[in-house]
Amino acid sequence: MSHSGVTARPKYHVYIVNGLNGNNLLEIHCQSDGDDLGHHVLPVSGNFGWSFSRNIFGTTVFWCEMKWAHGHGIFKVFWNDEELRRSCNMNCIWLATTYGLYLKDARLNQFQFMYQWLN
């Protein structure tokens, strides 16, 4: 059912990909102020993703606690930022490597370094 004058808010998609080497598992727990997406353990090359619409105030933020054998951290993976939305183009793909987290820039079709692991 649609109402004239009401525009559906676009859907954003966030994916976390385990790009670690060897057999390193990546443990993640992602959430926002209103959604707890639970704990997940990703095998190498495994991924976890979700879709959502930004809230009406444009203040939606998602973050993930991530850890593996040699690092950990809590990282913002979606926030209200025009540059982030341009880079992601509705699909924010995060790649966890031994060096840290990279975000895929859809405009360049390559991953950009964003966060370093804490030891």
C-alpha atoms as a PDB file:
ATOM      1  CA  MET A   1       0.000   0.000   0.000  1.00  0.00           C
ATOM      2  CA  SER A   2       1.423   3.378  -0.892  1.00  0.00           C
ATOM      3  CA  HIS A   3       0.408   6.840   0.112  1.00  0.00           C
ATOM      4  CA  SER A   4       0.869   9.791  -2.189  1.00  0.00           C
ATOM      5  CA  GLY A   5       3.597  12.099  -0.984  1.00  0.00           C
ATOM      6  CA  VAL A   6       5.261   9.386   1.142  1.00  0.00           C
ATOM      7  CA  THR A   7       8.619   8.268  -0.154  1.00  0.00           C
ATOM      8  CA  ALA A   8      10.125   4.967   0.929  1.00  0.00           C
ATOM      9  CA  ARG A   9      13.525   5.424   2.510  1.00  0.00           C
ATOM     10  CA  PRO A  10      16.330   3.657   0.627  1.00  0.00           C
ATOM     11  CA  LYS A  11      17.755   0.410   1.960  1.00  0.00           C
ATOM     12  CA  TYR A  12      21.410   0.228   2.903  1.00  0.00           C
ATOM     13  CA  HIS A  13      23.337  -3.034   3.123  1.00  0.00           C
ATOM     14  CA  VAL A  14      26.377  -3.715   5.306  1.00  0.00           C
ATOM     15  CA  TYR A  15      28.584  -6.769   4.898  1.00  0.00           C
ATOM     16  CA  ILE A  16      31.499  -7.893   7.071  1.00  0.00           C
ATOM     17  CA  VAL A  17      33.872 -10.288   5.260  1.00  0.00           C
ATOM     18  CA  ASN A  18      36.562 -12.376   6.936  1.00  0.00           C
ATOM     19  CA  GLY A  19      39.626 -11.817   4.756  1.00  0.00           C
ATOM     20  CA  LEU A  20      42.062 -13.059   7.392  1.00  0.00           C
ATOM     21  CA  ASN A  21      44.718 -15.554   6.350  1.00  0.00           C
ATOM     22  CA  GLY A  22      45.216 -19.113   7.531  1.00  0.00           C
ATOM     23  CA  ASN A  23      42.331 -20.589   9.474  1.00  0.00           C
ATOM     24  CA  ASN A  24      41.704 -17.463  11.554  1.00  0.00           C
ATOM     25  CA  LEU A  25      38.108 -17.099  12.683  1.00  0.00           C
ATOM     26  CA  LEU A  26      36.615 -13.620  13.011  1.00  0.00           C
ATOM     27  CA  GLU A  27      34.203 -13.077  15.900  1.00  0.00           C
ATOM     28  CA  ILE A  28      31.769 -10.184  15.454  1.00  0.00           C
ATOM     29  CA  HIS A  29      28.923  -8.591  17.391  1.00  0.00           C
ATOM     30  CA  CYS A  30      27.176  -5.804  15.471  1.00  0.00           C
ATOM     31  CA  GLN A  31      24.507  -3.413  16.708  1.00  0.00           C
ATOM     32  CA  SER A  32      22.899   0.004  16.588  1.00  0.00           C
ATOM     33  CA  ASP A  33      20.994   1.878  19.269  1.00  0.00           C
ATOM     34  CA  GLY A  34      17.852  -0.021  18.259  1.00  0.00           C
ATOM     35  CA  ASP A  35      19.099  -3.335  16.848  1.00  0.00           C
ATOM     36  CA  ASP A  36      21.356  -6.008  18.329  1.00  0.00           C
ATOM     37  CA  LEU A  37      22.365  -8.321  15.488  1.00  0.00           C
ATOM     38  CA  GLY A  38      23.890 -10.936  17.780  1.00  0.00           C
ATOM     39  CA  HIS A  39      27.229 -12.703  17.940  1.00  0.00           C
ATOM     40  CA  HIS A  40      28.615 -14.428  14.860  1.00  0.00           C
ATOM     41  CA  VAL A  41      31.782 -16.378  14.104  1.00  0.00           C
ATOM     42  CA  LEU A  42      32.941 -16.060  10.509  1.00  0.00           C
ATOM     43  CA  PRO A  43      35.256 -18.614   8.898  1.00  0.00           C
ATOM     44  CA  VAL A  44      37.867 -17.410   6.418  1.00  0.00           C
ATOM     45  CA  SER A  45      36.034 -15.957   3.387  1.00  0.00           C
ATOM     46  CA  GLY A  46      32.755 -16.078   5.329  1.00  0.00           C
ATOM     47  CA  ASN A  47      30.565 -13.017   5.676  1.00  0.00           C
ATOM     48  CA  PHE A  48      27.693 -11.570   7.669  1.00  0.00           C
ATOM     49  CA  GLY A  49      25.367  -8.922   6.316  1.00  0.00           C
ATOM     50  CA  TRP A  50      22.187  -7.008   7.057  1.00  0.00           C
ATOM     51  CA  SER A  51      19.905  -4.426   5.457  1.00  0.00           C
ATOM     52  CA  PHE A  52      18.179  -1.400   6.954  1.00  0.00           C
ATOM     53  CA  SER A  53      16.822   2.050   6.242  1.00  0.00           C
ATOM     54  CA  ARG A  54      18.228   5.079   8.022  1.00  0.00           C
ATOM     55  CA  ASN A  55      15.951   6.480  10.706  1.00  0.00           C
ATOM     56  CA  ILE A  56      13.888   9.572   9.882  1.00  0.00           C
ATOM     57  CA  PHE A  57      16.395  11.773  11.707  1.00  0.00           C
ATOM     58  CA  GLY A  58      19.325  10.466   9.640  1.00  0.00           C
ATOM     59  CA  THR A  59      21.228   9.494  12.782  1.00  0.00           C
ATOM     60  CA  THR A  60      21.515   5.740  12.238  1.00  0.00           C
ATOM     61  CA  VAL A  61      24.864   4.332  13.370  1.00  0.00           C
ATOM     62  CA  PHE A  62      25.945   0.684  13.353  1.00  0.00           C
ATOM     63  CA  TRP A  63      29.118  -0.544  14.990  1.00  0.00           C
ATOM     64  CA  CYS A  64      30.719  -3.948  15.398  1.00  0.00           C
ATOM     65  CA  GLU A  65      32.936  -5.406  18.052  1.00  0.00           C
ATOM     66  CA  MET A  66      35.383  -7.657  16.223  1.00  0.00           C
ATOM     67  CA  LYS A  67      38.146  -9.915  17.417  1.00  0.00           C
ATOM     68  CA  TRP A  68      40.469 -12.563  16.158  1.00  0.00           C
ATOM     69  CA  ALA A  69      43.627 -14.274  17.455  1.00  0.00           C
ATOM     70  CA  HIS A  70      45.866 -11.209  16.979  1.00  0.00           C
ATOM     71  CA  GLY A  71      43.610  -8.173  17.316  1.00  0.00           C
ATOM     72  CA  HIS A  72      40.316  -6.670  18.341  1.00  0.00           C
ATOM     73  CA  GLY A  73      38.358  -3.437  18.287  1.00  0.00           C
ATOM     74  CA  ILE A  74      34.984  -1.733  18.154  1.00  0.00           C
ATOM     75  CA  PHE A  75      34.449  -0.102  14.769  1.00  0.00           C
ATOM     76  CA  LYS A  76      31.726   2.064  13.254  1.00  0.00           C
ATOM     77  CA  VAL A  77      30.558   0.364  10.052  1.00  0.00           C
ATOM     78  CA  PHE A  78      27.723   2.759   9.100  1.00  0.00           C
ATOM     79  CA  TRP A  79      27.084   6.361  10.124  1.00  0.00           C
ATOM     80  CA  ASN A  80      25.385   9.440   8.741  1.00  0.00           C
ATOM     81  CA  ASP A  81      28.022  10.781   6.389  1.00  0.00           C
ATOM     82  CA  GLU A  82      27.594  11.828   2.772  1.00  0.00           C
ATOM     83  CA  GLU A  83      31.112  10.676   1.827  1.00  0.00           C
ATOM     84  CA  LEU A  84      30.486   7.231   3.327  1.00  0.00           C
ATOM     85  CA  ARG A  85      27.226   6.909   1.392  1.00  0.00           C
ATOM     86  CA  ARG A  86      28.967   7.949  -1.847  1.00  0.00           C
ATOM     87  CA  SER A  87      31.765   5.438  -1.227  1.00  0.00           C
ATOM     88  CA  CYS A  88      29.410   2.587  -0.363  1.00  0.00           C
ATOM     89  CA  ASN A  89      26.714   3.341  -2.934  1.00  0.00           C
ATOM     90  CA  MET A  90      24.127   1.577  -0.710  1.00  0.00           C
ATOM     91  CA  ASN A  91      26.411  -1.452  -0.085  1.00  0.00           C
ATOM     92  CA  CYS A  92      29.053  -1.001   2.614  1.00  0.00           C
ATOM     93  CA  ILE A  93      31.435  -3.938   2.268  1.00  0.00           C
ATOM     94  CA  TRP A  94      34.013  -4.245   5.043  1.00  0.00           C
ATOM     95  CA  LEU A  95      36.985  -6.583   4.656  1.00  0.00           C
ATOM     96  CA  ALA A  96      38.819  -7.715   7.799  1.00  0.00           C
ATOM     97  CA  THR A  97      42.470  -8.514   7.089  1.00  0.00           C
ATOM     98  CA  THR A  98      45.506  -9.119   9.274  1.00  0.00           C
ATOM     99  CA  TYR A  99      46.317  -5.392   8.939  1.00  0.00           C
ATOM    100  CA  GLY A 100      42.877  -4.074   9.881  1.00  0.00           C
ATOM    101  CA  LEU A 101      39.566  -3.158   8.281  1.00  0.00           C
ATOM    102  CA  TYR A 102      39.097  -1.952   4.732  1.00  0.00           C
ATOM    103  CA  LEU A 103      35.971  -0.426   3.189  1.00  0.00           C
ATOM    104  CA  LYS A 104      35.185  -1.031  -0.472  1.00  0.00           C
ATOM    105  CA  ASP A 105      34.903   2.230  -2.388  1.00  0.00           C
ATOM    106  CA  ALA A 106      32.345   1.497  -5.110  1.00  0.00           C
ATOM    107  CA  ARG A 107      33.497   4.507  -7.138  1.00  0.00           C
ATOM    108  CA  LEU A 108      37.051   3.164  -7.422  1.00  0.00           C
ATOM    109  CA  ASN A 109      36.129  -0.527  -7.127  1.00  0.00           C
ATOM    110  CA  GLN A 110      38.879  -1.035  -4.554  1.00  0.00           C
ATOM    111  CA  PHE A 111      39.254  -1.369  -0.809  1.00  0.00           C
ATOM    112  CA  GLN A 112      40.451   1.597   1.259  1.00  0.00           C
ATOM    113  CA  PHE A 113      42.168   1.140   4.640  1.00  0.00           C
ATOM    114  CA  MET A 114      39.978   2.492   7.459  1.00  0.00           C
ATOM    115  CA  TYR A 115      40.853   0.960  10.855  1.00  0.00           C
ATOM    116  CA  GLN A 116      43.821  -0.729  12.488  1.00  0.00           C
ATOM    117  CA  TRP A 117      43.427  -3.575  14.979  1.00  0.00           C
ATOM    118  CA  LEU A 118      44.140  -3.002  18.650  1.00  0.00           C
ATOM    119  CA  ASN A 119      46.438  -5.607  20.214  1.00  0.00           C
END
